[in-house]
């Protein structure tokens, strides 16, 4: 968990917030609510999520996570 936290700190605010909303907020907001809270079109959530997860993978790799 600490390693993920460090990796998230390396990411831009938009990715941090998107990932927080999608994976850590309880209860998880709907896609409509997530899009509204982030001020982005609902159709952009999936592609943006994919790019953010790729950034998270890269950050974890830089921190030594296999």
PDB file of N, CA and C in Angstrom:
ATOM      1  N   UNK A   1       0.835  -1.199   0.000  1.00  0.00           N
ATOM      2  CA  UNK A   1       0.000   0.000   0.000  1.00  0.00           C
ATOM      3  C   UNK A   1       0.874   1.255   0.000  1.00  0.00           C
ATOM      4  N   UNK A   2       1.961   1.208   0.762  1.00  0.00           N
ATOM      5  CA  UNK A   2       2.850   2.372   0.823  1.00  0.00           C
ATOM      6  C   UNK A   2       3.491   2.625  -0.541  1.00  0.00           C
ATOM      7  N   UNK A   3       3.873   1.558  -1.228  1.00  0.00           N
ATOM      8  CA  UNK A   3       4.486   1.696  -2.541  1.00  0.00           C
ATOM      9  C   UNK A   3       3.502   2.310  -3.546  1.00  0.00           C
ATOM     10  N   UNK A   4       2.262   1.882  -3.491  1.00  0.00           N
ATOM     11  CA  UNK A   4       1.239   2.462  -4.373  1.00  0.00           C
ATOM     12  C   UNK A   4       1.063   3.940  -4.037  1.00  0.00           C
ATOM     13  N   UNK A   5       1.057   4.277  -2.758  1.00  0.00           N
ATOM     14  CA  UNK A   5       0.942   5.678  -2.350  1.00  0.00           C
ATOM     15  C   UNK A   5       2.077   6.519  -2.903  1.00  0.00           C
ATOM     16  N   UNK A   6       3.296   6.000  -2.840  1.00  0.00           N
ATOM     17  CA  UNK A   6       4.449   6.720  -3.395  1.00  0.00           C
ATOM     18  C   UNK A   6       4.329   6.864  -4.909  1.00  0.00           C
ATOM     19  N   UNK A   7       3.867   5.824  -5.565  1.00  0.00           N
ATOM     20  CA  UNK A   7       3.692   5.886  -7.017  1.00  0.00           C
ATOM     21  C   UNK A   7       2.633   6.920  -7.385  1.00  0.00           C
ATOM     22  N   UNK A   8       1.540   6.955  -6.642  1.00  0.00           N
ATOM     23  CA  UNK A   8       0.483   7.934  -6.917  1.00  0.00           C
ATOM     24  C   UNK A   8       0.980   9.362  -6.736  1.00  0.00           C
ATOM     25  N   UNK A   9       1.872   9.570  -5.770  1.00  0.00           N
ATOM     26  CA  UNK A   9       2.420  10.902  -5.539  1.00  0.00           C
ATOM     27  C   UNK A   9       3.201  11.405  -6.748  1.00  0.00           C
ATOM     28  N   UNK A  10       3.745  10.497  -7.540  1.00  0.00           N
ATOM     29  CA  UNK A  10       4.525  10.866  -8.719  1.00  0.00           C
ATOM     30  C   UNK A  10       3.641  11.237  -9.908  1.00  0.00           C
ATOM     31  N   UNK A  11       2.354  10.964  -9.805  1.00  0.00           N
ATOM     32  CA  UNK A  11       1.437  11.177 -10.922  1.00  0.00           C
ATOM     33  C   UNK A  11       0.800  12.552 -10.848  1.00  0.00           C
ATOM     34  N   UNK A  12       0.258  12.989 -11.984  1.00  0.00           N
ATOM     35  CA  UNK A  12      -0.431  14.275 -12.006  1.00  0.00           C
ATOM     36  C   UNK A  12      -1.733  14.197 -11.207  1.00  0.00           C
ATOM     37  N   UNK A  13      -2.223  15.347 -10.801  1.00  0.00           N
ATOM     38  CA  UNK A  13      -3.404  15.422  -9.935  1.00  0.00           C
ATOM     39  C   UNK A  13      -4.638  14.791 -10.578  1.00  0.00           C
ATOM     40  N   UNK A  14      -4.792  14.960 -11.878  1.00  0.00           N
ATOM     41  CA  UNK A  14      -5.976  14.411 -12.557  1.00  0.00           C
ATOM     42  C   UNK A  14      -5.994  12.882 -12.457  1.00  0.00           C
ATOM     43  N   UNK A  15      -4.861  12.251 -12.703  1.00  0.00           N
ATOM     44  CA  UNK A  15      -4.799  10.785 -12.604  1.00  0.00           C
ATOM     45  C   UNK A  15      -4.987  10.329 -11.163  1.00  0.00           C
ATOM     46  N   UNK A  16      -4.346  11.011 -10.232  1.00  0.00           N
ATOM     47  CA  UNK A  16      -4.517  10.647  -8.817  1.00  0.00           C
ATOM     48  C   UNK A  16      -5.976  10.684  -8.415  1.00  0.00           C
ATOM     49  N   UNK A  17      -6.667  11.746  -8.777  1.00  0.00           N
ATOM     50  CA  UNK A  17      -8.066  11.897  -8.389  1.00  0.00           C
ATOM     51  C   UNK A  17      -8.952  10.866  -9.089  1.00  0.00           C
ATOM     52  N   UNK A  18      -8.718  10.638 -10.365  1.00  0.00           N
ATOM     53  CA  UNK A  18      -9.512   9.651 -11.099  1.00  0.00           C
ATOM     54  C   UNK A  18      -9.346   8.264 -10.478  1.00  0.00           C
ATOM     55  N   UNK A  19      -8.123   7.854 -10.232  1.00  0.00           N
ATOM     56  CA  UNK A  19      -7.889   6.536  -9.648  1.00  0.00           C
ATOM     57  C   UNK A  19      -8.461   6.445  -8.238  1.00  0.00           C
ATOM     58  N   UNK A  20      -8.358   7.521  -7.489  1.00  0.00           N
ATOM     59  CA  UNK A  20      -8.930   7.532  -6.137  1.00  0.00           C
ATOM     60  C   UNK A  20     -10.443   7.331  -6.200  1.00  0.00           C
ATOM     61  N   UNK A  21     -11.092   8.057  -7.093  1.00  0.00           N
ATOM     62  CA  UNK A  21     -12.543   7.933  -7.215  1.00  0.00           C
ATOM     63  C   UNK A  21     -12.963   6.539  -7.676  1.00  0.00           C
ATOM     64  N   UNK A  22     -12.240   5.986  -8.633  1.00  0.00           N
ATOM     65  CA  UNK A  22     -12.632   4.699  -9.199  1.00  0.00           C
ATOM     66  C   UNK A  22     -12.300   3.501  -8.316  1.00  0.00           C
ATOM     67  N   UNK A  23     -11.210   3.581  -7.563  1.00  0.00           N
ATOM     68  CA  UNK A  23     -10.738   2.392  -6.867  1.00  0.00           C
ATOM     69  C   UNK A  23     -10.677   2.489  -5.346  1.00  0.00           C
ATOM     70  N   UNK A  24     -10.677   3.711  -4.784  1.00  0.00           N
ATOM     71  CA  UNK A  24     -10.529   3.800  -3.333  1.00  0.00           C
ATOM     72  C   UNK A  24     -11.708   4.445  -2.623  1.00  0.00           C
ATOM     73  N   UNK A  25     -12.479   5.240  -3.307  1.00  0.00           N
ATOM     74  CA  UNK A  25     -13.605   5.895  -2.626  1.00  0.00           C
ATOM     75  C   UNK A  25     -14.707   4.870  -2.363  1.00  0.00           C
ATOM     76  N   UNK A  26     -15.233   4.915  -1.158  1.00  0.00           N
ATOM     77  CA  UNK A  26     -16.302   3.991  -0.771  1.00  0.00           C
ATOM     78  C   UNK A  26     -17.497   4.798  -0.294  1.00  0.00           C
ATOM     79  N   UNK A  27     -18.657   4.556  -0.858  1.00  0.00           N
ATOM     80  CA  UNK A  27     -18.930   3.693  -2.001  1.00  0.00           C
ATOM     81  C   UNK A  27     -18.401   4.345  -3.275  1.00  0.00           C
ATOM     82  N   UNK A  28     -18.095   3.530  -4.266  1.00  0.00           N
ATOM     83  CA  UNK A  28     -17.579   4.044  -5.539  1.00  0.00           C
ATOM     84  C   UNK A  28     -18.663   4.877  -6.221  1.00  0.00           C
ATOM     85  N   UNK A  29     -18.295   6.082  -6.675  1.00  0.00           N
ATOM     86  CA  UNK A  29     -19.283   6.888  -7.395  1.00  0.00           C
ATOM     87  C   UNK A  29     -19.553   6.275  -8.774  1.00  0.00           C
ATOM     88  N   UNK A  30     -20.716   6.559  -9.324  1.00  0.00           N
ATOM     89  CA  UNK A  30     -21.044   6.100 -10.674  1.00  0.00           C
ATOM     90  C   UNK A  30     -20.129   6.803 -11.681  1.00  0.00           C
ATOM     91  N   UNK A  31     -20.092   6.280 -12.895  1.00  0.00           N
ATOM     92  CA  UNK A  31     -19.305   6.935 -13.941  1.00  0.00           C
ATOM     93  C   UNK A  31     -19.843   8.338 -14.203  1.00  0.00           C
ATOM     94  N   UNK A  32     -21.165   8.504 -14.175  1.00  0.00           N
ATOM     95  CA  UNK A  32     -21.751   9.837 -14.373  1.00  0.00           C
ATOM     96  C   UNK A  32     -21.256  10.802 -13.307  1.00  0.00           C
ATOM     97  N   UNK A  33     -21.287  10.378 -12.051  1.00  0.00           N
ATOM     98  CA  UNK A  33     -20.842  11.236 -10.950  1.00  0.00           C
ATOM     99  C   UNK A  33     -19.337  11.501 -11.046  1.00  0.00           C
ATOM    100  N   UNK A  34     -18.572  10.478 -11.387  1.00  0.00           N
ATOM    101  CA  UNK A  34     -17.124  10.644 -11.523  1.00  0.00           C
ATOM    102  C   UNK A  34     -16.806  11.665 -12.607  1.00  0.00           C
ATOM    103  N   UNK A  35     -17.466  11.538 -13.759  1.00  0.00           N
ATOM    104  CA  UNK A  35     -17.242  12.481 -14.854  1.00  0.00           C
ATOM    105  C   UNK A  35     -17.596  13.898 -14.418  1.00  0.00           C
ATOM    106  N   UNK A  36     -18.715  14.056 -13.730  1.00  0.00           N
ATOM    107  CA  UNK A  36     -19.137  15.383 -13.276  1.00  0.00           C
ATOM    108  C   UNK A  36     -18.136  15.958 -12.280  1.00  0.00           C
ATOM    109  N   UNK A  37     -17.681  15.139 -11.348  1.00  0.00           N
ATOM    110  CA  UNK A  37     -16.738  15.621 -10.329  1.00  0.00           C
ATOM    111  C   UNK A  37     -15.396  16.019 -10.923  1.00  0.00           C
ATOM    112  N   UNK A  38     -15.004  15.334 -11.991  1.00  0.00           N
ATOM    113  CA  UNK A  38     -13.730  15.651 -12.632  1.00  0.00           C
ATOM    114  C   UNK A  38     -13.872  16.668 -13.751  1.00  0.00           C
ATOM    115  N   UNK A  39     -15.119  17.001 -14.118  1.00  0.00           N
ATOM    116  CA  UNK A  39     -15.352  17.969 -15.184  1.00  0.00           C
ATOM    117  C   UNK A  39     -14.900  17.461 -16.541  1.00  0.00           C
ATOM    118  N   UNK A  40     -15.153  16.180 -16.807  1.00  0.00           N
ATOM    119  CA  UNK A  40     -14.750  15.609 -18.085  1.00  0.00           C
ATOM    120  C   UNK A  40     -15.894  14.798 -18.665  1.00  0.00           C
ATOM    121  N   UNK A  41     -15.913  14.615 -19.981  1.00  0.00           N
ATOM    122  CA  UNK A  41     -16.979  13.821 -20.607  1.00  0.00           C
ATOM    123  C   UNK A  41     -16.906  12.369 -20.151  1.00  0.00           C
ATOM    124  N   UNK A  42     -18.054  11.752 -19.986  1.00  0.00           N
ATOM    125  CA  UNK A  42     -18.100  10.363 -19.530  1.00  0.00           C
ATOM    126  C   UNK A  42     -17.357   9.439 -20.497  1.00  0.00           C
ATOM    127  N   UNK A  43     -17.391   9.745 -21.777  1.00  0.00           N
ATOM    128  CA  UNK A  43     -16.698   8.930 -22.767  1.00  0.00           C
ATOM    129  C   UNK A  43     -15.178   8.991 -22.661  1.00  0.00           C
ATOM    130  N   UNK A  44     -14.672   9.961 -21.921  1.00  0.00           N
ATOM    131  CA  UNK A  44     -13.221  10.085 -21.737  1.00  0.00           C
ATOM    132  C   UNK A  44     -12.708   9.307 -20.536  1.00  0.00           C
ATOM    133  N   UNK A  45     -13.615   8.862 -19.679  1.00  0.00           N
ATOM    134  CA  UNK A  45     -13.174   8.188 -18.451  1.00  0.00           C
ATOM    135  C   UNK A  45     -12.391   6.904 -18.728  1.00  0.00           C
ATOM    136  N   UNK A  46     -12.907   6.056 -19.596  1.00  0.00           N
ATOM    137  CA  UNK A  46     -12.239   4.785 -19.875  1.00  0.00           C
ATOM    138  C   UNK A  46     -10.842   4.968 -20.452  1.00  0.00           C
ATOM    139  N   UNK A  47     -10.703   5.757 -21.532  1.00  0.00           N
ATOM    140  CA  UNK A  47      -9.363   5.966 -22.085  1.00  0.00           C
ATOM    141  C   UNK A  47      -8.413   6.644 -21.101  1.00  0.00           C
ATOM    142  N   UNK A  48      -8.930   7.614 -20.341  1.00  0.00           N
ATOM    143  CA  UNK A  48      -8.097   8.296 -19.361  1.00  0.00           C
ATOM    144  C   UNK A  48      -7.685   7.333 -18.254  1.00  0.00           C
ATOM    145  N   UNK A  49      -8.617   6.500 -17.798  1.00  0.00           N
ATOM    146  CA  UNK A  49      -8.307   5.492 -16.786  1.00  0.00           C
ATOM    147  C   UNK A  49      -7.189   4.580 -17.280  1.00  0.00           C
ATOM    148  N   UNK A  50      -7.274   4.156 -18.532  1.00  0.00           N
ATOM    149  CA  UNK A  50      -6.237   3.291 -19.104  1.00  0.00           C
ATOM    150  C   UNK A  50      -4.870   3.959 -19.104  1.00  0.00           C
ATOM    151  N   UNK A  51      -4.833   5.229 -19.504  1.00  0.00           N
ATOM    152  CA  UNK A  51      -3.554   5.958 -19.503  1.00  0.00           C
ATOM    153  C   UNK A  51      -3.030   6.139 -18.083  1.00  0.00           C
ATOM    154  N   UNK A  52      -3.931   6.430 -17.149  1.00  0.00           N
ATOM    155  CA  UNK A  52      -3.519   6.622 -15.756  1.00  0.00           C
ATOM    156  C   UNK A  52      -3.004   5.321 -15.143  1.00  0.00           C
ATOM    157  N   UNK A  53      -3.645   4.217 -15.440  1.00  0.00           N
ATOM    158  CA  UNK A  53      -3.157   2.929 -14.931  1.00  0.00           C
ATOM    159  C   UNK A  53      -1.791   2.596 -15.513  1.00  0.00           C
ATOM    160  N   UNK A  54      -1.576   2.960 -16.771  1.00  0.00           N
ATOM    161  CA  UNK A  54      -0.259   2.732 -17.384  1.00  0.00           C
ATOM    162  C   UNK A  54       0.793   3.604 -16.689  1.00  0.00           C
ATOM    163  N   UNK A  55       0.443   4.844 -16.362  1.00  0.00           N
ATOM    164  CA  UNK A  55       1.364   5.713 -15.625  1.00  0.00           C
ATOM    165  C   UNK A  55       1.651   5.136 -14.240  1.00  0.00           C
ATOM    166  N   UNK A  56       0.633   4.569 -13.606  1.00  0.00           N
ATOM    167  CA  UNK A  56       0.823   3.959 -12.295  1.00  0.00           C
ATOM    168  C   UNK A  56       1.769   2.764 -12.404  1.00  0.00           C
ATOM    169  N   UNK A  57       1.586   1.937 -13.411  1.00  0.00           N
ATOM    170  CA  UNK A  57       2.485   0.785 -13.626  1.00  0.00           C
ATOM    171  C   UNK A  57       3.929   1.256 -13.807  1.00  0.00           C
ATOM    172  N   UNK A  58       4.110   2.300 -14.603  1.00  0.00           N
ATOM    173  CA  UNK A  58       5.453   2.825 -14.845  1.00  0.00           C
ATOM    174  C   UNK A  58       6.066   3.373 -13.562  1.00  0.00           C
ATOM    175  N   UNK A  59       5.284   4.098 -12.779  1.00  0.00           N
ATOM    176  CA  UNK A  59       5.781   4.651 -11.520  1.00  0.00           C
ATOM    177  C   UNK A  59       6.146   3.539 -10.553  1.00  0.00           C
ATOM    178  N   UNK A  60       5.326   2.501 -10.487  1.00  0.00           N
ATOM    179  CA  UNK A  60       5.638   1.356  -9.618  1.00  0.00           C
ATOM    180  C   UNK A  60       6.911   0.653 -10.075  1.00  0.00           C
ATOM    181  N   UNK A  61       7.097   0.541 -11.368  1.00  0.00           N
ATOM    182  CA  UNK A  61       8.305  -0.076 -11.905  1.00  0.00           C
ATOM    183  C   UNK A  61       9.542   0.750 -11.537  1.00  0.00           C
ATOM    184  N   UNK A  62       9.436   2.076 -11.645  1.00  0.00           N
ATOM    185  CA  UNK A  62      10.553   2.947 -11.260  1.00  0.00           C
ATOM    186  C   UNK A  62      10.901   2.804  -9.788  1.00  0.00           C
ATOM    187  N   UNK A  63       9.902   2.483  -8.979  1.00  0.00           N
ATOM    188  CA  UNK A  63      10.134   2.317  -7.546  1.00  0.00           C
ATOM    189  C   UNK A  63      10.606   0.900  -7.189  1.00  0.00           C
ATOM    190  N   UNK A  64      10.770   0.062  -8.215  1.00  0.00           N
ATOM    191  CA  UNK A  64      11.300  -1.278  -7.983  1.00  0.00           C
ATOM    192  C   UNK A  64      10.286  -2.373  -7.848  1.00  0.00           C
ATOM    193  N   UNK A  65       9.016  -2.079  -8.091  1.00  0.00           N
ATOM    194  CA  UNK A  65       7.992  -3.120  -8.050  1.00  0.00           C
ATOM    195  C   UNK A  65       8.083  -3.907  -9.344  1.00  0.00           C
ATOM    196  N   UNK A  66       8.107  -5.234  -9.233  1.00  0.00           N
ATOM    197  CA  UNK A  66       8.321  -6.055 -10.448  1.00  0.00           C
ATOM    198  C   UNK A  66       7.243  -5.948 -11.489  1.00  0.00           C
TER     199      UNK A  66
END
